[in-house]
Amino acid sequence: MDKNEPVVVTAAFRPLPGHREQVMDALRTAIPRVHEEPGCELYAIVAASDDDILMLEKWTRVADLDIHSEGEAVADLKQAIEGHLREPIDVAWYSPIPLGQAAKGQL
């Protein structure tokens, strides 16, 4: 993936039974910080099945995501959720494929 291309990311958080609120608290702290990072176009969560949480991200450039991934907000988030997940965060990167109307067919 070219460092100047946009990138979309999903990150699945799977809390241990009874630990969802601790993960949510960590995300409540991290998300506003990440929104201030250069290149962050979207950093939002949705409820997935059971107690799982899915994060949806869009970054202006892969280079911005690289900086974010090594940044303080991510380090603090990882530390805050340590011991609260039943498996590691499942992260996937995607290249946007714009189709149709820009506002509806492009992430």
PDB file of N, CA and C in Angstrom:
ATOM      1  N   MET A   1       0.851  -1.176   0.000  1.00  0.00           N
ATOM      2  CA  MET A   1       0.000   0.000   0.000  1.00  0.00           C
ATOM      3  C   MET A   1       0.899   1.242   0.000  1.00  0.00           C
ATOM      4  N   ASP A   2       0.643   2.159  -0.901  1.00  0.00           N
ATOM      5  CA  ASP A   2       1.411   3.399  -1.009  1.00  0.00           C
ATOM      6  C   ASP A   2       1.165   4.267   0.227  1.00  0.00           C
ATOM      7  N   LYS A   3       2.226   4.858   0.771  1.00  0.00           N
ATOM      8  CA  LYS A   3       2.132   5.670   1.998  1.00  0.00           C
ATOM      9  C   LYS A   3       1.267   6.914   1.833  1.00  0.00           C
ATOM     10  N   ASN A   4       1.006   7.342   0.578  1.00  0.00           N
ATOM     11  CA  ASN A   4       0.195   8.534   0.342  1.00  0.00           C
ATOM     12  C   ASN A   4      -1.252   8.219  -0.014  1.00  0.00           C
ATOM     13  N   GLU A   5      -1.616   6.947  -0.064  1.00  0.00           N
ATOM     14  CA  GLU A   5      -2.993   6.552  -0.372  1.00  0.00           C
ATOM     15  C   GLU A   5      -3.860   6.607   0.877  1.00  0.00           C
ATOM     16  N   PRO A   6      -5.163   6.853   0.704  1.00  0.00           N
ATOM     17  CA  PRO A   6      -6.072   6.757   1.849  1.00  0.00           C
ATOM     18  C   PRO A   6      -6.202   5.302   2.288  1.00  0.00           C
ATOM     19  N   VAL A   7      -6.580   5.103   3.536  1.00  0.00           N
ATOM     20  CA  VAL A   7      -6.730   3.748   4.067  1.00  0.00           C
ATOM     21  C   VAL A   7      -7.915   3.704   5.029  1.00  0.00           C
ATOM     22  N   VAL A   8      -8.658   2.603   4.953  1.00  0.00           N
ATOM     23  CA  VAL A   8      -9.769   2.334   5.862  1.00  0.00           C
ATOM     24  C   VAL A   8      -9.358   1.157   6.734  1.00  0.00           C
ATOM     25  N   VAL A   9      -9.693   1.236   8.010  1.00  0.00           N
ATOM     26  CA  VAL A   9      -9.278   0.216   8.974  1.00  0.00           C
ATOM     27  C   VAL A   9     -10.477  -0.244   9.773  1.00  0.00           C
ATOM     28  N   THR A  10     -10.513  -1.543  10.066  1.00  0.00           N
ATOM     29  CA  THR A  10     -11.442  -2.050  11.072  1.00  0.00           C
ATOM     30  C   THR A  10     -10.613  -2.640  12.200  1.00  0.00           C
ATOM     31  N   ALA A  11     -11.104  -2.477  13.412  1.00  0.00           N
ATOM     32  CA  ALA A  11     -10.446  -3.061  14.578  1.00  0.00           C
ATOM     33  C   ALA A  11     -11.540  -3.630  15.477  1.00  0.00           C
ATOM     34  N   ALA A  12     -11.528  -4.946  15.655  1.00  0.00           N
ATOM     35  CA  ALA A  12     -12.542  -5.619  16.468  1.00  0.00           C
ATOM     36  C   ALA A  12     -12.004  -5.846  17.875  1.00  0.00           C
ATOM     37  N   PHE A  13     -12.761  -5.366  18.843  1.00  0.00           N
ATOM     38  CA  PHE A  13     -12.448  -5.540  20.255  1.00  0.00           C
ATOM     39  C   PHE A  13     -13.429  -6.571  20.809  1.00  0.00           C
ATOM     40  N   ARG A  14     -12.909  -7.623  21.424  1.00  0.00           N
ATOM     41  CA  ARG A  14     -13.753  -8.686  21.968  1.00  0.00           C
ATOM     42  C   ARG A  14     -13.506  -8.800  23.472  1.00  0.00           C
ATOM     43  N   PRO A  15     -14.294  -8.033  24.261  1.00  0.00           N
ATOM     44  CA  PRO A  15     -14.080  -8.026  25.710  1.00  0.00           C
ATOM     45  C   PRO A  15     -14.377  -9.380  26.355  1.00  0.00           C
ATOM     46  N   LEU A  16     -13.675  -9.650  27.421  1.00  0.00           N
ATOM     47  CA  LEU A  16     -14.000 -10.796  28.262  1.00  0.00           C
ATOM     48  C   LEU A  16     -15.402 -10.595  28.839  1.00  0.00           C
ATOM     49  N   PRO A  17     -16.100 -11.663  29.184  1.00  0.00           N
ATOM     50  CA  PRO A  17     -17.410 -11.503  29.826  1.00  0.00           C
ATOM     51  C   PRO A  17     -17.301 -10.589  31.051  1.00  0.00           C
ATOM     52  N   GLY A  18     -18.182  -9.601  31.110  1.00  0.00           N
ATOM     53  CA  GLY A  18     -18.195  -8.664  32.228  1.00  0.00           C
ATOM     54  C   GLY A  18     -17.175  -7.540  32.143  1.00  0.00           C
ATOM     55  N   HIS A  19     -16.420  -7.450  31.047  1.00  0.00           N
ATOM     56  CA  HIS A  19     -15.364  -6.435  30.917  1.00  0.00           C
ATOM     57  C   HIS A  19     -15.665  -5.384  29.852  1.00  0.00           C
ATOM     58  N   ARG A  20     -16.852  -5.433  29.263  1.00  0.00           N
ATOM     59  CA  ARG A  20     -17.168  -4.497  28.172  1.00  0.00           C
ATOM     60  C   ARG A  20     -17.055  -3.039  28.633  1.00  0.00           C
ATOM     61  N   GLU A  21     -17.527  -2.727  29.822  1.00  0.00           N
ATOM     62  CA  GLU A  21     -17.520  -1.336  30.285  1.00  0.00           C
ATOM     63  C   GLU A  21     -16.103  -0.808  30.467  1.00  0.00           C
ATOM     64  N   GLN A  22     -15.174  -1.653  30.897  1.00  0.00           N
ATOM     65  CA  GLN A  22     -13.779  -1.213  31.015  1.00  0.00           C
ATOM     66  C   GLN A  22     -13.206  -0.881  29.634  1.00  0.00           C
ATOM     67  N   VAL A  23     -13.541  -1.689  28.640  1.00  0.00           N
ATOM     68  CA  VAL A  23     -13.076  -1.411  27.280  1.00  0.00           C
ATOM     69  C   VAL A  23     -13.719  -0.127  26.766  1.00  0.00           C
ATOM     70  N   MET A  24     -15.016   0.033  27.021  1.00  0.00           N
ATOM     71  CA  MET A  24     -15.708   1.262  26.599  1.00  0.00           C
ATOM     72  C   MET A  24     -15.090   2.491  27.265  1.00  0.00           C
ATOM     73  N   ASP A  25     -14.765   2.408  28.539  1.00  0.00           N
ATOM     74  CA  ASP A  25     -14.136   3.543  29.233  1.00  0.00           C
ATOM     75  C   ASP A  25     -12.808   3.910  28.571  1.00  0.00           C
ATOM     76  N   ALA A  26     -12.025   2.904  28.207  1.00  0.00           N
ATOM     77  CA  ALA A  26     -10.745   3.164  27.546  1.00  0.00           C
ATOM     78  C   ALA A  26     -10.964   3.826  26.188  1.00  0.00           C
ATOM     79  N   LEU A  27     -11.975   3.373  25.450  1.00  0.00           N
ATOM     80  CA  LEU A  27     -12.287   3.971  24.150  1.00  0.00           C
ATOM     81  C   LEU A  27     -12.813   5.395  24.309  1.00  0.00           C
ATOM     82  N   ARG A  28     -13.613   5.644  25.338  1.00  0.00           N
ATOM     83  CA  ARG A  28     -14.118   7.011  25.586  1.00  0.00           C
ATOM     84  C   ARG A  28     -12.972   7.990  25.812  1.00  0.00           C
ATOM     85  N   THR A  29     -11.909   7.519  26.400  1.00  0.00           N
ATOM     86  CA  THR A  29     -10.737   8.362  26.632  1.00  0.00           C
ATOM     87  C   THR A  29      -9.909   8.521  25.354  1.00  0.00           C
ATOM     88  N   ALA A  30      -9.736   7.438  24.606  1.00  0.00           N
ATOM     89  CA  ALA A  30      -8.854   7.451  23.435  1.00  0.00           C
ATOM     90  C   ALA A  30      -9.442   8.183  22.235  1.00  0.00           C
ATOM     91  N   ILE A  31     -10.721   7.994  21.977  1.00  0.00           N
ATOM     92  CA  ILE A  31     -11.311   8.503  20.731  1.00  0.00           C
ATOM     93  C   ILE A  31     -11.159  10.009  20.567  1.00  0.00           C
ATOM     94  N   PRO A  32     -11.490  10.848  21.556  1.00  0.00           N
ATOM     95  CA  PRO A  32     -11.301  12.292  21.348  1.00  0.00           C
ATOM     96  C   PRO A  32      -9.845  12.671  21.066  1.00  0.00           C
ATOM     97  N   ARG A  33      -8.915  11.958  21.668  1.00  0.00           N
ATOM     98  CA  ARG A  33      -7.500  12.229  21.417  1.00  0.00           C
ATOM     99  C   ARG A  33      -7.131  11.900  19.972  1.00  0.00           C
ATOM    100  N   VAL A  34      -7.613  10.771  19.485  1.00  0.00           N
ATOM    101  CA  VAL A  34      -7.298  10.350  18.118  1.00  0.00           C
ATOM    102  C   VAL A  34      -7.941  11.292  17.102  1.00  0.00           C
ATOM    103  N   HIS A  35      -9.145  11.787  17.405  1.00  0.00           N
ATOM    104  CA  HIS A  35      -9.808  12.715  16.484  1.00  0.00           C
ATOM    105  C   HIS A  35      -8.949  13.946  16.196  1.00  0.00           C
ATOM    106  N   GLU A  36      -8.046  14.286  17.081  1.00  0.00           N
ATOM    107  CA  GLU A  36      -7.169  15.450  16.911  1.00  0.00           C
ATOM    108  C   GLU A  36      -5.905  15.127  16.112  1.00  0.00           C
ATOM    109  N   GLU A  37      -5.670  13.868  15.816  1.00  0.00           N
ATOM    110  CA  GLU A  37      -4.449  13.491  15.107  1.00  0.00           C
ATOM    111  C   GLU A  37      -4.533  13.856  13.625  1.00  0.00           C
ATOM    112  N   PRO A  38      -3.414  14.270  13.039  1.00  0.00           N
ATOM    113  CA  PRO A  38      -3.394  14.584  11.605  1.00  0.00           C
ATOM    114  C   PRO A  38      -3.813  13.373  10.765  1.00  0.00           C
ATOM    115  N   GLY A  39      -4.669  13.610   9.792  1.00  0.00           N
ATOM    116  CA  GLY A  39      -5.085  12.567   8.872  1.00  0.00           C
ATOM    117  C   GLY A  39      -6.263  11.729   9.315  1.00  0.00           C
ATOM    118  N   CYS A  40      -6.726  11.926  10.540  1.00  0.00           N
ATOM    119  CA  CYS A  40      -7.874  11.156  11.028  1.00  0.00           C
ATOM    120  C   CYS A  40      -9.156  11.733  10.425  1.00  0.00           C
ATOM    121  N   GLU A  41      -9.804  10.964   9.561  1.00  0.00           N
ATOM    122  CA  GLU A  41     -11.064  11.381   8.949  1.00  0.00           C
ATOM    123  C   GLU A  41     -12.263  10.705   9.623  1.00  0.00           C
ATOM    124  N   LEU A  42     -12.042   9.528  10.172  1.00  0.00           N
ATOM    125  CA  LEU A  42     -13.093   8.783  10.860  1.00  0.00           C
ATOM    126  C   LEU A  42     -12.439   7.879  11.883  1.00  0.00           C
ATOM    127  N   TYR A  43     -12.975   7.889  13.085  1.00  0.00           N
ATOM    128  CA  TYR A  43     -12.513   7.010  14.156  1.00  0.00           C
ATOM    129  C   TYR A  43     -13.718   6.828  15.050  1.00  0.00           C
ATOM    130  N   ALA A  44     -14.509   5.802  14.766  1.00  0.00           N
ATOM    131  CA  ALA A  44     -15.806   5.630  15.407  1.00  0.00           C
ATOM    132  C   ALA A  44     -16.018   4.162  15.752  1.00  0.00           C
ATOM    133  N   ILE A  45     -16.892   3.915  16.726  1.00  0.00           N
ATOM    134  CA  ILE A  45     -17.182   2.544  17.116  1.00  0.00           C
ATOM    135  C   ILE A  45     -18.662   2.239  16.921  1.00  0.00           C
ATOM    136  N   VAL A  46     -18.928   0.958  16.700  1.00  0.00           N
ATOM    137  CA  VAL A  46     -20.298   0.448  16.609  1.00  0.00           C
ATOM    138  C   VAL A  46     -20.366  -0.823  17.432  1.00  0.00           C
ATOM    139  N   ALA A  47     -21.568  -1.119  17.922  1.00  0.00           N
ATOM    140  CA  ALA A  47     -21.768  -2.363  18.662  1.00  0.00           C
ATOM    141  C   ALA A  47     -21.828  -3.513  17.672  1.00  0.00           C
ATOM    142  N   ALA A  48     -21.083  -4.544  17.943  1.00  0.00           N
ATOM    143  CA  ALA A  48     -21.108  -5.747  17.114  1.00  0.00           C
ATOM    144  C   ALA A  48     -21.889  -6.827  17.877  1.00  0.00           C
ATOM    145  N   SER A  49     -21.759  -8.053  17.453  1.00  0.00           N
ATOM    146  CA  SER A  49     -22.483  -9.136  18.112  1.00  0.00           C
ATOM    147  C   SER A  49     -22.048  -9.280  19.566  1.00  0.00           C
ATOM    148  N   ASP A  50     -22.960  -9.732  20.363  1.00  0.00           N
ATOM    149  CA  ASP A  50     -22.692  -9.926  21.792  1.00  0.00           C
ATOM    150  C   ASP A  50     -22.163  -8.626  22.403  1.00  0.00           C
ATOM    151  N   ASP A  51     -21.029  -8.706  23.061  1.00  0.00           N
ATOM    152  CA  ASP A  51     -20.422  -7.526  23.684  1.00  0.00           C
ATOM    153  C   ASP A  51     -19.286  -6.960  22.837  1.00  0.00           C
ATOM    154  N   ASP A  52     -19.101  -7.498  21.645  1.00  0.00           N
ATOM    155  CA  ASP A  52     -17.995  -7.047  20.802  1.00  0.00           C
ATOM    156  C   ASP A  52     -18.202  -5.609  20.327  1.00  0.00           C
ATOM    157  N   ILE A  53     -17.092  -4.944  20.055  1.00  0.00           N
ATOM    158  CA  ILE A  53     -17.093  -3.554  19.607  1.00  0.00           C
ATOM    159  C   ILE A  53     -16.250  -3.500  18.342  1.00  0.00           C
ATOM    160  N   LEU A  54     -16.778  -2.863  17.307  1.00  0.00           N
ATOM    161  CA  LEU A  54     -16.032  -2.720  16.057  1.00  0.00           C
ATOM    162  C   LEU A  54     -15.696  -1.253  15.849  1.00  0.00           C
ATOM    163  N   MET A  55     -14.409  -0.984  15.661  1.00  0.00           N
ATOM    164  CA  MET A  55     -13.963   0.364  15.353  1.00  0.00           C
ATOM    165  C   MET A  55     -13.816   0.493  13.846  1.00  0.00           C
ATOM    166  N   LEU A  56     -14.303   1.614  13.311  1.00  0.00           N
ATOM    167  CA  LEU A  56     -14.169   1.943  11.900  1.00  0.00           C
ATOM    168  C   LEU A  56     -13.298   3.185  11.802  1.00  0.00           C
ATOM    169  N   GLU A  57     -12.285   3.116  10.959  1.00  0.00           N
ATOM    170  CA  GLU A  57     -11.344   4.226  10.835  1.00  0.00           C
ATOM    171  C   GLU A  57     -11.142   4.567   9.372  1.00  0.00           C
ATOM    172  N   LYS A  58     -10.890   5.844   9.108  1.00  0.00           N
ATOM    173  CA  LYS A  58     -10.425   6.266   7.788  1.00  0.00           C
ATOM    174  C   LYS A  58      -9.323   7.293   8.005  1.00  0.00           C
ATOM    175  N   TRP A  59      -8.241   7.084   7.283  1.00  0.00           N
ATOM    176  CA  TRP A  59      -7.073   7.954   7.373  1.00  0.00           C
ATOM    177  C   TRP A  59      -6.768   8.514   5.996  1.00  0.00           C
ATOM    178  N   THR A  60      -6.386   9.783   5.952  1.00  0.00           N
ATOM    179  CA  THR A  60      -6.073  10.467   4.702  1.00  0.00           C
ATOM    180  C   THR A  60      -4.953   9.765   3.955  1.00  0.00           C
ATOM    181  N   ARG A  61      -3.965   9.295   4.696  1.00  0.00           N
ATOM    182  CA  ARG A  61      -2.815   8.626   4.092  1.00  0.00           C
ATOM    183  C   ARG A  61      -2.366   7.483   4.999  1.00  0.00           C
ATOM    184  N   VAL A  62      -1.818   6.461   4.395  1.00  0.00           N
ATOM    185  CA  VAL A  62      -1.245   5.358   5.164  1.00  0.00           C
ATOM    186  C   VAL A  62      -0.184   5.895   6.118  1.00  0.00           C
ATOM    187  N   ALA A  63       0.574   6.887   5.684  1.00  0.00           N
ATOM    188  CA  ALA A  63       1.609   7.471   6.544  1.00  0.00           C
ATOM    189  C   ALA A  63       1.011   8.039   7.831  1.00  0.00           C
ATOM    190  N   ASP A  64      -0.190   8.637   7.745  1.00  0.00           N
ATOM    191  CA  ASP A  64      -0.863   9.150   8.949  1.00  0.00           C
ATOM    192  C   ASP A  64      -1.243   8.007   9.885  1.00  0.00           C
ATOM    193  N   LEU A  65      -1.730   6.914   9.308  1.00  0.00           N
ATOM    194  CA  LEU A  65      -2.081   5.742  10.112  1.00  0.00           C
ATOM    195  C   LEU A  65      -0.842   5.159  10.778  1.00  0.00           C
ATOM    196  N   ASP A  66       0.262   5.125  10.068  1.00  0.00           N
ATOM    197  CA  ASP A  66       1.503   4.623  10.656  1.00  0.00           C
ATOM    198  C   ASP A  66       1.887   5.436  11.890  1.00  0.00           C
ATOM    199  N   ILE A  67       1.789   6.749  11.788  1.00  0.00           N
ATOM    200  CA  ILE A  67       2.122   7.624  12.926  1.00  0.00           C
ATOM    201  C   ILE A  67       1.147   7.368  14.069  1.00  0.00           C
ATOM    202  N   HIS A  68      -0.146   7.281  13.752  1.00  0.00           N
ATOM    203  CA  HIS A  68      -1.175   7.000  14.762  1.00  0.00           C
ATOM    204  C   HIS A  68      -0.871   5.682  15.480  1.00  0.00           C
ATOM    205  N   SER A  69      -0.533   4.653  14.720  1.00  0.00           N
ATOM    206  CA  SER A  69      -0.318   3.320  15.283  1.00  0.00           C
ATOM    207  C   SER A  69       0.821   3.286  16.299  1.00  0.00           C
ATOM    208  N   GLU A  70       1.780   4.179  16.144  1.00  0.00           N
ATOM    209  CA  GLU A  70       2.922   4.244  17.057  1.00  0.00           C
ATOM    210  C   GLU A  70       2.761   5.343  18.110  1.00  0.00           C
ATOM    211  N   GLY A  71       1.603   6.009  18.106  1.00  0.00           N
ATOM    212  CA  GLY A  71       1.408   7.170  18.959  1.00  0.00           C
ATOM    213  C   GLY A  71       0.996   6.862  20.390  1.00  0.00           C
ATOM    214  N   GLU A  72       0.982   7.920  21.162  1.00  0.00           N
ATOM    215  CA  GLU A  72       0.683   7.841  22.583  1.00  0.00           C
ATOM    216  C   GLU A  72      -0.756   7.399  22.855  1.00  0.00           C
ATOM    217  N   ALA A  73      -1.713   7.868  22.061  1.00  0.00           N
ATOM    218  CA  ALA A  73      -3.119   7.508  22.291  1.00  0.00           C
ATOM    219  C   ALA A  73      -3.325   6.000  22.140  1.00  0.00           C
ATOM    220  N   VAL A  74      -2.713   5.408  21.132  1.00  0.00           N
ATOM    221  CA  VAL A  74      -2.838   3.960  20.926  1.00  0.00           C
ATOM    222  C   VAL A  74      -2.128   3.204  22.048  1.00  0.00           C
ATOM    223  N   ALA A  75      -0.953   3.654  22.432  1.00  0.00           N
ATOM    224  CA  ALA A  75      -0.215   3.004  23.524  1.00  0.00           C
ATOM    225  C   ALA A  75      -1.026   3.039  24.812  1.00  0.00           C
ATOM    226  N   ASP A  76      -1.616   4.188  25.108  1.00  0.00           N
ATOM    227  CA  ASP A  76      -2.429   4.313  26.316  1.00  0.00           C
ATOM    228  C   ASP A  76      -3.678   3.435  26.240  1.00  0.00           C
ATOM    229  N   LEU A  77      -4.304   3.371  25.051  1.00  0.00           N
ATOM    230  CA  LEU A  77      -5.482   2.524  24.881  1.00  0.00           C
ATOM    231  C   LEU A  77      -5.119   1.062  25.108  1.00  0.00           C
ATOM    232  N   LYS A  78      -4.040   0.610  24.506  1.00  0.00           N
ATOM    233  CA  LYS A  78      -3.623  -0.784  24.672  1.00  0.00           C
ATOM    234  C   LYS A  78      -3.360  -1.113  26.138  1.00  0.00           C
ATOM    235  N   GLN A  79      -2.734  -0.184  26.824  1.00  0.00           N
ATOM    236  CA  GLN A  79      -2.453  -0.406  28.246  1.00  0.00           C
ATOM    237  C   GLN A  79      -3.756  -0.473  29.044  1.00  0.00           C
ATOM    238  N   ALA A  80      -4.709   0.405  28.723  1.00  0.00           N
ATOM    239  CA  ALA A  80      -5.970   0.462  29.469  1.00  0.00           C
ATOM    240  C   ALA A  80      -6.837  -0.779  29.265  1.00  0.00           C
ATOM    241  N   ILE A  81      -6.726  -1.419  28.098  1.00  0.00           N
ATOM    242  CA  ILE A  81      -7.575  -2.594  27.837  1.00  0.00           C
ATOM    243  C   ILE A  81      -6.856  -3.905  28.130  1.00  0.00           C
ATOM    244  N   GLU A  82      -5.598  -3.817  28.526  1.00  0.00           N
ATOM    245  CA  GLU A  82      -4.851  -5.030  28.836  1.00  0.00           C
ATOM    246  C   GLU A  82      -5.572  -5.832  29.914  1.00  0.00           C
ATOM    247  N   GLY A  83      -5.758  -7.106  29.643  1.00  0.00           N
ATOM    248  CA  GLY A  83      -6.436  -7.984  30.588  1.00  0.00           C
ATOM    249  C   GLY A  83      -7.952  -7.955  30.491  1.00  0.00           C
ATOM    250  N   HIS A  84      -8.491  -7.166  29.564  1.00  0.00           N
ATOM    251  CA  HIS A  84      -9.945  -7.045  29.423  1.00  0.00           C
ATOM    252  C   HIS A  84     -10.480  -7.665  28.130  1.00  0.00           C
ATOM    253  N   LEU A  85      -9.597  -8.196  27.282  1.00  0.00           N
ATOM    254  CA  LEU A  85     -10.030  -8.783  26.007  1.00  0.00           C
ATOM    255  C   LEU A  85      -9.814 -10.294  26.025  1.00  0.00           C
ATOM    256  N   ARG A  86     -10.719 -11.013  25.363  1.00  0.00           N
ATOM    257  CA  ARG A  86     -10.584 -12.470  25.298  1.00  0.00           C
ATOM    258  C   ARG A  86      -9.638 -12.915  24.176  1.00  0.00           C
ATOM    259  N   GLU A  87      -9.267 -11.989  23.303  1.00  0.00           N
ATOM    260  CA  GLU A  87      -8.281 -12.259  22.254  1.00  0.00           C
ATOM    261  C   GLU A  87      -7.701 -10.924  21.812  1.00  0.00           C
ATOM    262  N   PRO A  88      -6.572 -10.951  21.106  1.00  0.00           N
ATOM    263  CA  PRO A  88      -5.969  -9.687  20.642  1.00  0.00           C
ATOM    264  C   PRO A  88      -6.919  -8.917  19.721  1.00  0.00           C
ATOM    265  N   ILE A  89      -6.735  -7.613  19.654  1.00  0.00           N
ATOM    266  CA  ILE A  89      -7.522  -6.778  18.741  1.00  0.00           C
ATOM    267  C   ILE A  89      -7.279  -7.286  17.320  1.00  0.00           C
ATOM    268  N   ASP A  90      -8.373  -7.465  16.586  1.00  0.00           N
ATOM    269  CA  ASP A  90      -8.292  -7.949  15.204  1.00  0.00           C
ATOM    270  C   ASP A  90      -8.351  -6.738  14.273  1.00  0.00           C
ATOM    271  N   VAL A  91      -7.197  -6.362  13.714  1.00  0.00           N
ATOM    272  CA  VAL A  91      -7.083  -5.161  12.888  1.00  0.00           C
ATOM    273  C   VAL A  91      -6.897  -5.561  11.425  1.00  0.00           C
ATOM    274  N   ALA A  92      -7.635  -4.881  10.531  1.00  0.00           N
ATOM    275  CA  ALA A  92      -7.497  -5.111   9.092  1.00  0.00           C
ATOM    276  C   ALA A  92      -7.466  -3.772   8.374  1.00  0.00           C
ATOM    277  N   TRP A  93      -6.609  -3.666   7.347  1.00  0.00           N
ATOM    278  CA  TRP A  93      -6.475  -2.454   6.539  1.00  0.00           C
ATOM    279  C   TRP A  93      -7.089  -2.704   5.167  1.00  0.00           C
ATOM    280  N   TYR A  94      -7.740  -1.666   4.612  1.00  0.00           N
ATOM    281  CA  TYR A  94      -8.398  -1.768   3.316  1.00  0.00           C
ATOM    282  C   TYR A  94      -8.108  -0.526   2.471  1.00  0.00           C
ATOM    283  N   SER A  95      -8.068  -0.726   1.153  1.00  0.00           N
ATOM    284  CA  SER A  95      -7.973   0.389   0.212  1.00  0.00           C
ATOM    285  C   SER A  95      -9.383   0.761  -0.226  1.00  0.00           C
ATOM    286  N   PRO A  96      -9.795   2.028  -0.057  1.00  0.00           N
ATOM    287  CA  PRO A  96     -11.134   2.435  -0.486  1.00  0.00           C
ATOM    288  C   PRO A  96     -11.312   2.264  -1.998  1.00  0.00           C
ATOM    289  N   ILE A  97     -12.507   1.872  -2.405  1.00  0.00           N
ATOM    290  CA  ILE A  97     -12.872   1.760  -3.817  1.00  0.00           C
ATOM    291  C   ILE A  97     -14.112   2.628  -4.020  1.00  0.00           C
ATOM    292  N   PRO A  98     -13.938   3.895  -4.401  1.00  0.00           N
ATOM    293  CA  PRO A  98     -15.087   4.791  -4.545  1.00  0.00           C
ATOM    294  C   PRO A  98     -15.961   4.396  -5.741  1.00  0.00           C
ATOM    295  N   LEU A  99     -17.260   4.289  -5.494  1.00  0.00           N
ATOM    296  CA  LEU A  99     -18.252   4.006  -6.533  1.00  0.00           C
ATOM    297  C   LEU A  99     -19.514   4.806  -6.235  1.00  0.00           C
ATOM    298  N   GLY A 100     -20.241   5.209  -7.255  1.00  0.00           N
ATOM    299  CA  GLY A 100     -21.494   5.923  -7.052  1.00  0.00           C
ATOM    300  C   GLY A 100     -21.271   7.339  -6.522  1.00  0.00           C
ATOM    301  N   GLN A 101     -22.203   7.797  -5.720  1.00  0.00           N
ATOM    302  CA  GLN A 101     -22.142   9.150  -5.159  1.00  0.00           C
ATOM    303  C   GLN A 101     -21.022   9.250  -4.134  1.00  0.00           C
ATOM    304  N   ALA A 102     -20.270  10.322  -4.181  1.00  0.00           N
ATOM    305  CA  ALA A 102     -19.122  10.474  -3.277  1.00  0.00           C
ATOM    306  C   ALA A 102     -19.539  10.395  -1.815  1.00  0.00           C
ATOM    307  N   ALA A 103     -20.680  11.001  -1.455  1.00  0.00           N
ATOM    308  CA  ALA A 103     -21.098  11.018  -0.061  1.00  0.00           C
ATOM    309  C   ALA A 103     -21.612   9.669   0.419  1.00  0.00           C
ATOM    310  N   LYS A 104     -22.018   8.791  -0.504  1.00  0.00           N
ATOM    311  CA  LYS A 104     -22.610   7.514  -0.107  1.00  0.00           C
ATOM    312  C   LYS A 104     -21.773   6.307  -0.530  1.00  0.00           C
ATOM    313  N   GLY A 105     -20.934   6.456  -1.510  1.00  0.00           N
ATOM    314  CA  GLY A 105     -20.218   5.313  -2.043  1.00  0.00           C
ATOM    315  C   GLY A 105     -18.730   5.336  -1.824  1.00  0.00           C
ATOM    316  N   GLN A 106     -18.283   6.153  -0.864  1.00  0.00           N
ATOM    317  CA  GLN A 106     -16.847   6.258  -0.623  1.00  0.00           C
ATOM    318  C   GLN A 106     -16.581   6.396   0.852  1.00  0.00           C
ATOM    319  N   LEU A 107     -15.699   5.561   1.354  1.00  0.00           N
ATOM    320  CA  LEU A 107     -15.233   5.702   2.736  1.00  0.00           C
ATOM    321  C   LEU A 107     -13.899   6.420   2.700  1.00  0.00           C
TER     322      LEU A 107
END
